PDB file of N, CA and C in Angstrom:
ATOM      1  N   UNK A   1     -18.058 -13.957   1.791  1.00  0.00           N
ATOM      2  CA  UNK A   1     -19.296 -14.192   2.341  1.00  0.00           C
ATOM      3  C   UNK A   1     -20.089 -15.312   2.241  1.00  0.00           C
ATOM      4  N   UNK A   2     -19.216 -16.618   1.519  1.00  0.00           N
ATOM      5  CA  UNK A   2     -20.051 -17.564   1.134  1.00  0.00           C
ATOM      6  C   UNK A   2     -19.286 -18.800   1.876  1.00  0.00           C
ATOM      7  N   UNK A   3     -20.356 -19.830   2.229  1.00  0.00           N
ATOM      8  CA  UNK A   3     -20.021 -20.978   2.954  1.00  0.00           C
ATOM      9  C   UNK A   3     -19.488 -22.095   1.812  1.00  0.00           C
ATOM     10  N   UNK A   4     -18.257 -23.074   2.365  1.00  0.00           N
ATOM     11  CA  UNK A   4     -17.935 -23.922   1.554  1.00  0.00           C
ATOM     12  C   UNK A   4     -18.897 -25.292   1.558  1.00  0.00           C
ATOM     13  N   UNK A   5     -19.668 -25.085   2.765  1.00  0.00           N
ATOM     14  CA  UNK A   5     -20.612 -26.485   3.038  1.00  0.00           C
ATOM     15  C   UNK A   5     -21.599 -25.716   3.823  1.00  0.00           C
ATOM     16  N   UNK A   6     -22.923 -26.267   4.166  1.00  0.00           N
ATOM     17  CA  UNK A   6     -23.735 -26.228   4.931  1.00  0.00           C
ATOM     18  C   UNK A   6     -23.299 -26.370   6.336  1.00  0.00           C
ATOM     19  N   UNK A   7     -23.511 -25.284   7.155  1.00  0.00           N
ATOM     20  CA  UNK A   7     -23.283 -25.702   8.681  1.00  0.00           C
ATOM     21  C   UNK A   7     -23.979 -26.576   9.312  1.00  0.00           C
ATOM     22  N   UNK A   8     -23.441 -27.645  10.215  1.00  0.00           N
ATOM     23  CA  UNK A   8     -24.419 -28.542  10.724  1.00  0.00           C
ATOM     24  C   UNK A   8     -24.264 -28.982  12.448  1.00  0.00           C
ATOM     25  N   UNK A   9     -23.222 -28.272  12.808  1.00  0.00           N
ATOM     26  CA  UNK A   9     -23.267 -28.139  14.236  1.00  0.00           C
ATOM     27  C   UNK A   9     -22.366 -27.234  14.938  1.00  0.00           C
ATOM     28  N   UNK A  10     -22.569 -26.937  16.213  1.00  0.00           N
ATOM     29  CA  UNK A  10     -21.650 -25.739  16.866  1.00  0.00           C
ATOM     30  C   UNK A  10     -21.310 -26.310  18.245  1.00  0.00           C
ATOM     31  N   UNK A  11     -19.771 -25.829  18.567  1.00  0.00           N
ATOM     32  CA  UNK A  11     -19.713 -26.127  19.744  1.00  0.00           C
ATOM     33  C   UNK A  11     -19.183 -24.837  20.483  1.00  0.00           C
ATOM     34  N   UNK A  12     -19.303 -24.206  21.459  1.00  0.00           N
ATOM     35  CA  UNK A  12     -19.121 -22.877  22.084  1.00  0.00           C
ATOM     36  C   UNK A  12     -18.277 -23.190  23.303  1.00  0.00           C
ATOM     37  N   UNK A  13     -17.331 -22.470  23.475  1.00  0.00           N
ATOM     38  CA  UNK A  13     -16.042 -22.414  24.361  1.00  0.00           C
ATOM     39  C   UNK A  13     -15.810 -24.008  24.874  1.00  0.00           C
ATOM     40  N   UNK A  14     -15.391 -24.882  24.003  1.00  0.00           N
ATOM     41  CA  UNK A  14     -14.975 -26.008  24.010  1.00  0.00           C
ATOM     42  C   UNK A  14     -16.227 -27.049  24.326  1.00  0.00           C
ATOM     43  N   UNK A  15     -17.234 -26.686  24.673  1.00  0.00           N
ATOM     44  CA  UNK A  15     -18.424 -27.503  24.978  1.00  0.00           C
ATOM     45  C   UNK A  15     -18.855 -28.604  24.162  1.00  0.00           C
ATOM     46  N   UNK A  16     -19.953 -29.311  24.356  1.00  0.00           N
ATOM     47  CA  UNK A  16     -20.506 -30.322  23.508  1.00  0.00           C
ATOM     48  C   UNK A  16     -20.640 -29.684  22.068  1.00  0.00           C
ATOM     49  N   UNK A  17     -20.813 -30.733  21.256  1.00  0.00           N
ATOM     50  CA  UNK A  17     -21.308 -30.052  19.783  1.00  0.00           C
ATOM     51  C   UNK A  17     -22.694 -30.367  19.583  1.00  0.00           C
ATOM     52  N   UNK A  18     -23.451 -29.415  19.273  1.00  0.00           N
ATOM     53  CA  UNK A  18     -24.778 -29.575  19.229  1.00  0.00           C
ATOM     54  C   UNK A  18     -25.206 -29.373  17.967  1.00  0.00           C
ATOM     55  N   UNK A  19     -26.240 -30.180  17.345  1.00  0.00           N
ATOM     56  CA  UNK A  19     -26.508 -29.968  15.886  1.00  0.00           C
ATOM     57  C   UNK A  19     -27.499 -28.801  15.581  1.00  0.00           C
ATOM     58  N   UNK A  20     -27.423 -27.998  14.523  1.00  0.00           N
ATOM     59  CA  UNK A  20     -27.967 -27.200  13.967  1.00  0.00           C
ATOM     60  C   UNK A  20     -29.317 -27.007  13.532  1.00  0.00           C
ATOM     61  N   UNK A  21     -30.323 -26.605  13.968  1.00  0.00           N
ATOM     62  CA  UNK A  21     -31.811 -26.786  13.170  1.00  0.00           C
ATOM     63  C   UNK A  21     -31.951 -25.723  12.088  1.00  0.00           C
ATOM     64  N   UNK A  22     -31.313 -24.863  11.791  1.00  0.00           N
ATOM     65  CA  UNK A  22     -31.349 -23.743  10.966  1.00  0.00           C
ATOM     66  C   UNK A  22     -30.122 -22.703  10.995  1.00  0.00           C
ATOM     67  N   UNK A  23     -30.325 -21.911   9.822  1.00  0.00           N
ATOM     68  CA  UNK A  23     -28.942 -21.004   9.649  1.00  0.00           C
ATOM     69  C   UNK A  23     -29.500 -19.825   8.725  1.00  0.00           C
ATOM     70  N   UNK A  24     -29.128 -18.832   8.641  1.00  0.00           N
ATOM     71  CA  UNK A  24     -29.030 -17.712   7.704  1.00  0.00           C
ATOM     72  C   UNK A  24     -27.832 -17.781   6.736  1.00  0.00           C
ATOM     73  N   UNK A  25     -28.374 -17.204   5.378  1.00  0.00           N
ATOM     74  CA  UNK A  25     -27.224 -16.902   4.545  1.00  0.00           C
ATOM     75  C   UNK A  25     -26.410 -15.870   5.173  1.00  0.00           C
ATOM     76  N   UNK A  26     -24.707 -15.838   4.986  1.00  0.00           N
ATOM     77  CA  UNK A  26     -23.798 -15.070   5.696  1.00  0.00           C
ATOM     78  C   UNK A  26     -24.034 -13.813   5.069  1.00  0.00           C
ATOM     79  N   UNK A  27     -23.863 -12.767   5.516  1.00  0.00           N
ATOM     80  CA  UNK A  27     -23.637 -11.531   5.038  1.00  0.00           C
ATOM     81  C   UNK A  27     -22.415 -10.761   5.128  1.00  0.00           C
ATOM     82  N   UNK A  28     -21.756 -10.170   4.200  1.00  0.00           N
ATOM     83  CA  UNK A  28     -20.739  -9.640   4.466  1.00  0.00           C
ATOM     84  C   UNK A  28     -20.589  -8.394   5.231  1.00  0.00           C
ATOM     85  N   UNK A  29     -19.818  -7.726   6.038  1.00  0.00           N
ATOM     86  CA  UNK A  29     -19.893  -6.615   6.823  1.00  0.00           C
ATOM     87  C   UNK A  29     -18.297  -5.840   6.385  1.00  0.00           C
ATOM     88  N   UNK A  30     -18.161  -4.489   6.361  1.00  0.00           N
ATOM     89  CA  UNK A  30     -17.153  -3.828   6.423  1.00  0.00           C
ATOM     90  C   UNK A  30     -17.404  -2.662   6.812  1.00  0.00           C
ATOM     91  N   UNK A  31     -16.287  -2.643   8.052  1.00  0.00           N
ATOM     92  CA  UNK A  31     -16.547  -1.578   9.161  1.00  0.00           C
ATOM     93  C   UNK A  31     -15.310  -0.755   8.799  1.00  0.00           C
ATOM     94  N   UNK A  32     -15.532   0.876   9.225  1.00  0.00           N
ATOM     95  CA  UNK A  32     -14.692   1.488   8.778  1.00  0.00           C
ATOM     96  C   UNK A  32     -14.051   1.641   7.640  1.00  0.00           C
ATOM     97  N   UNK A  33     -14.367   1.383   6.513  1.00  0.00           N
ATOM     98  CA  UNK A  33     -14.047   1.336   5.270  1.00  0.00           C
ATOM     99  C   UNK A  33     -13.298   2.578   4.769  1.00  0.00           C
ATOM    100  N   UNK A  34     -13.586   3.629   5.199  1.00  0.00           N
ATOM    101  CA  UNK A  34     -12.739   4.703   4.831  1.00  0.00           C
ATOM    102  C   UNK A  34     -11.517   5.016   5.725  1.00  0.00           C
ATOM    103  N   UNK A  35     -11.062   3.999   6.814  1.00  0.00           N
ATOM    104  CA  UNK A  35      -9.499   3.799   7.353  1.00  0.00           C
ATOM    105  C   UNK A  35      -8.788   2.902   7.231  1.00  0.00           C
ATOM    106  N   UNK A  36      -7.451   3.243   7.416  1.00  0.00           N
ATOM    107  CA  UNK A  36      -6.663   2.143   7.424  1.00  0.00           C
ATOM    108  C   UNK A  36      -6.857   1.054   8.300  1.00  0.00           C
ATOM    109  N   UNK A  37      -7.738   0.978   9.554  1.00  0.00           N
ATOM    110  CA  UNK A  37      -7.735   0.026  10.507  1.00  0.00           C
ATOM    111  C   UNK A  37      -9.495  -0.582   9.835  1.00  0.00           C
ATOM    112  N   UNK A  38      -9.730  -0.135   8.827  1.00  0.00           N
ATOM    113  CA  UNK A  38     -10.975  -1.202   8.367  1.00  0.00           C
ATOM    114  C   UNK A  38     -11.012  -2.599   8.782  1.00  0.00           C
ATOM    115  N   UNK A  39     -12.162  -2.735   8.931  1.00  0.00           N
ATOM    116  CA  UNK A  39     -12.656  -4.495   9.529  1.00  0.00           C
ATOM    117  C   UNK A  39     -13.547  -5.128   8.095  1.00  0.00           C
ATOM    118  N   UNK A  40     -12.799  -6.232   7.818  1.00  0.00           N
ATOM    119  CA  UNK A  40     -13.779  -6.936   6.888  1.00  0.00           C
ATOM    120  C   UNK A  40     -14.130  -8.478   7.401  1.00  0.00           C
ATOM    121  N   UNK A  41     -15.730  -8.743   7.508  1.00  0.00           N
ATOM    122  CA  UNK A  41     -15.770  -9.976   8.251  1.00  0.00           C
ATOM    123  C   UNK A  41     -17.075 -10.465   7.605  1.00  0.00           C
ATOM    124  N   UNK A  42     -17.671 -11.422   8.137  1.00  0.00           N
ATOM    125  CA  UNK A  42     -19.012 -12.153   7.473  1.00  0.00           C
ATOM    126  C   UNK A  42     -19.653 -12.407   8.776  1.00  0.00           C
ATOM    127  N   UNK A  43     -20.875 -12.624   8.971  1.00  0.00           N
ATOM    128  CA  UNK A  43     -21.790 -12.786   9.932  1.00  0.00           C
ATOM    129  C   UNK A  43     -22.838 -13.781   9.505  1.00  0.00           C
ATOM    130  N   UNK A  44     -23.405 -14.603  10.368  1.00  0.00           N
ATOM    131  CA  UNK A  44     -23.963 -15.558  10.404  1.00  0.00           C
ATOM    132  C   UNK A  44     -24.951 -16.215  11.299  1.00  0.00           C
ATOM    133  N   UNK A  45     -25.965 -16.114  11.377  1.00  0.00           N
ATOM    134  CA  UNK A  45     -26.950 -16.314  12.258  1.00  0.00           C
ATOM    135  C   UNK A  45     -27.536 -18.127  12.411  1.00  0.00           C
ATOM    136  N   UNK A  46     -27.318 -18.798  13.324  1.00  0.00           N
ATOM    137  CA  UNK A  46     -27.589 -20.069  13.772  1.00  0.00           C
ATOM    138  C   UNK A  46     -28.675 -20.233  14.676  1.00  0.00           C
ATOM    139  N   UNK A  47     -29.401 -21.280  14.574  1.00  0.00           N
ATOM    140  CA  UNK A  47     -30.232 -21.997  15.542  1.00  0.00           C
ATOM    141  C   UNK A  47     -29.977 -23.291  15.980  1.00  0.00           C
ATOM    142  N   UNK A  48     -30.015 -23.601  17.059  1.00  0.00           N
ATOM    143  CA  UNK A  48     -29.325 -25.194  17.476  1.00  0.00           C
ATOM    144  C   UNK A  48     -30.602 -26.050  17.962  1.00  0.00           C
ATOM    145  N   UNK A  49     -30.472 -26.996  17.705  1.00  0.00           N
ATOM    146  CA  UNK A  49     -31.694 -28.045  17.570  1.00  0.00           C
ATOM    147  C   UNK A  49     -32.361 -27.821  19.300  1.00  0.00           C
ATOM    148  N   UNK A  50     -31.592 -27.533  20.331  1.00  0.00           N
ATOM    149  CA  UNK A  50     -32.230 -27.134  21.799  1.00  0.00           C
ATOM    150  C   UNK A  50     -32.752 -25.854  21.852  1.00  0.00           C
ATOM    151  N   UNK A  51     -32.626 -24.946  20.731  1.00  0.00           N
ATOM    152  CA  UNK A  51     -33.511 -23.721  20.607  1.00  0.00           C
ATOM    153  C   UNK A  51     -32.818 -22.379  20.960  1.00  0.00           C
ATOM    154  N   UNK A  52     -31.296 -22.766  20.924  1.00  0.00           N
ATOM    155  CA  UNK A  52     -30.424 -21.525  21.357  1.00  0.00           C
ATOM    156  C   UNK A  52     -30.079 -20.869  20.033  1.00  0.00           C
ATOM    157  N   UNK A  53     -30.274 -19.371  20.024  1.00  0.00           N
ATOM    158  CA  UNK A  53     -29.600 -18.940  18.660  1.00  0.00           C
ATOM    159  C   UNK A  53     -28.444 -18.161  18.869  1.00  0.00           C
ATOM    160  N   UNK A  54     -27.450 -18.244  17.857  1.00  0.00           N
ATOM    161  CA  UNK A  54     -26.190 -17.613  17.824  1.00  0.00           C
ATOM    162  C   UNK A  54     -25.754 -16.625  16.849  1.00  0.00           C
ATOM    163  N   UNK A  55     -25.280 -15.539  16.876  1.00  0.00           N
ATOM    164  CA  UNK A  55     -24.903 -14.802  15.791  1.00  0.00           C
ATOM    165  C   UNK A  55     -23.162 -15.204  15.858  1.00  0.00           C
ATOM    166  N   UNK A  56     -22.932 -15.688  14.783  1.00  0.00           N
ATOM    167  CA  UNK A  56     -21.424 -16.088  14.418  1.00  0.00           C
ATOM    168  C   UNK A  56     -20.863 -14.674  13.476  1.00  0.00           C
ATOM    169  N   UNK A  57     -19.329 -14.701  13.722  1.00  0.00           N
ATOM    170  CA  UNK A  57     -18.848 -13.787  12.902  1.00  0.00           C
ATOM    171  C   UNK A  57     -17.530 -14.360  12.385  1.00  0.00           C
ATOM    172  N   UNK A  58     -16.702 -14.477  11.282  1.00  0.00           N
ATOM    173  CA  UNK A  58     -15.790 -14.825  10.706  1.00  0.00           C
ATOM    174  C   UNK A  58     -14.970 -13.539  10.191  1.00  0.00           C
ATOM    175  N   UNK A  59     -13.522 -13.759  10.663  1.00  0.00           N
ATOM    176  CA  UNK A  59     -12.575 -12.624  10.236  1.00  0.00           C
ATOM    177  C   UNK A  59     -11.305 -13.192  10.156  1.00  0.00           C
ATOM    178  N   UNK A  60     -10.783 -12.974   8.844  1.00  0.00           N
ATOM    179  CA  UNK A  60      -9.120 -13.703   8.950  1.00  0.00           C
ATOM    180  C   UNK A  60      -9.243 -15.248   8.916  1.00  0.00           C
ATOM    181  N   UNK A  61     -10.701 -15.943   8.517  1.00  0.00           N
ATOM    182  CA  UNK A  61     -10.273 -17.335   8.491  1.00  0.00           C
ATOM    183  C   UNK A  61     -10.647 -18.035   9.690  1.00  0.00           C
ATOM    184  N   UNK A  62     -11.233 -17.339  10.783  1.00  0.00           N
ATOM    185  CA  UNK A  62     -11.533 -17.920  12.161  1.00  0.00           C
ATOM    186  C   UNK A  62     -13.196 -17.437  12.418  1.00  0.00           C
ATOM    187  N   UNK A  63     -13.569 -18.351  12.738  1.00  0.00           N
ATOM    188  CA  UNK A  63     -15.167 -18.285  13.511  1.00  0.00           C
ATOM    189  C   UNK A  63     -15.050 -17.863  14.937  1.00  0.00           C
ATOM    190  N   UNK A  64     -16.071 -17.096  15.081  1.00  0.00           N
ATOM    191  CA  UNK A  64     -16.247 -16.810  16.804  1.00  0.00           C
ATOM    192  C   UNK A  64     -17.678 -16.321  16.940  1.00  0.00           C
ATOM    193  N   UNK A  65     -18.217 -16.668  18.286  1.00  0.00           N
ATOM    194  CA  UNK A  65     -19.686 -16.372  18.747  1.00  0.00           C
ATOM    195  C   UNK A  65     -19.433 -15.074  18.952  1.00  0.00           C
ATOM    196  N   UNK A  66     -20.636 -13.853  18.393  1.00  0.00           N
ATOM    197  CA  UNK A  66     -20.639 -12.727  18.625  1.00  0.00           C
ATOM    198  C   UNK A  66     -21.895 -12.462  19.840  1.00  0.00           C
ATOM    199  N   UNK A  67     -22.356 -13.202  19.828  1.00  0.00           N
ATOM    200  CA  UNK A  67     -23.752 -13.120  20.492  1.00  0.00           C
ATOM    201  C   UNK A  67     -24.738 -14.335  20.716  1.00  0.00           C
ATOM    202  N   UNK A  68     -25.339 -14.554  21.626  1.00  0.00           N
ATOM    203  CA  UNK A  68     -26.170 -15.643  21.921  1.00  0.00           C
ATOM    204  C   UNK A  68     -27.364 -15.372  22.525  1.00  0.00           C
ATOM    205  N   UNK A  69     -28.517 -15.825  21.880  1.00  0.00           N
ATOM    206  CA  UNK A  69     -29.737 -15.772  22.154  1.00  0.00           C
ATOM    207  C   UNK A  69     -30.701 -17.067  22.815  1.00  0.00           C
ATOM    208  N   UNK A  70     -30.747 -17.047  23.722  1.00  0.00           N
ATOM    209  CA  UNK A  70     -31.431 -18.270  24.761  1.00  0.00           C
ATOM    210  C   UNK A  70     -32.483 -17.916  25.268  1.00  0.00           C
TER     211      UNK A  70
END
């Protein structure tokens, strides 16, 4: 649930890199903690300089976009 550095840019689906204007602190999420198929992840919200917002999630060392707010 911790970042190793401040996020500063984002590329979505191979598009151009866009600078970030703001981001939230990441928060850990553990889903179905009672089950063998439990999921551990961390989420992070970011805002790009062009005004788009994204909810990012990392699982097993890989980041992906979970939602976009434009």
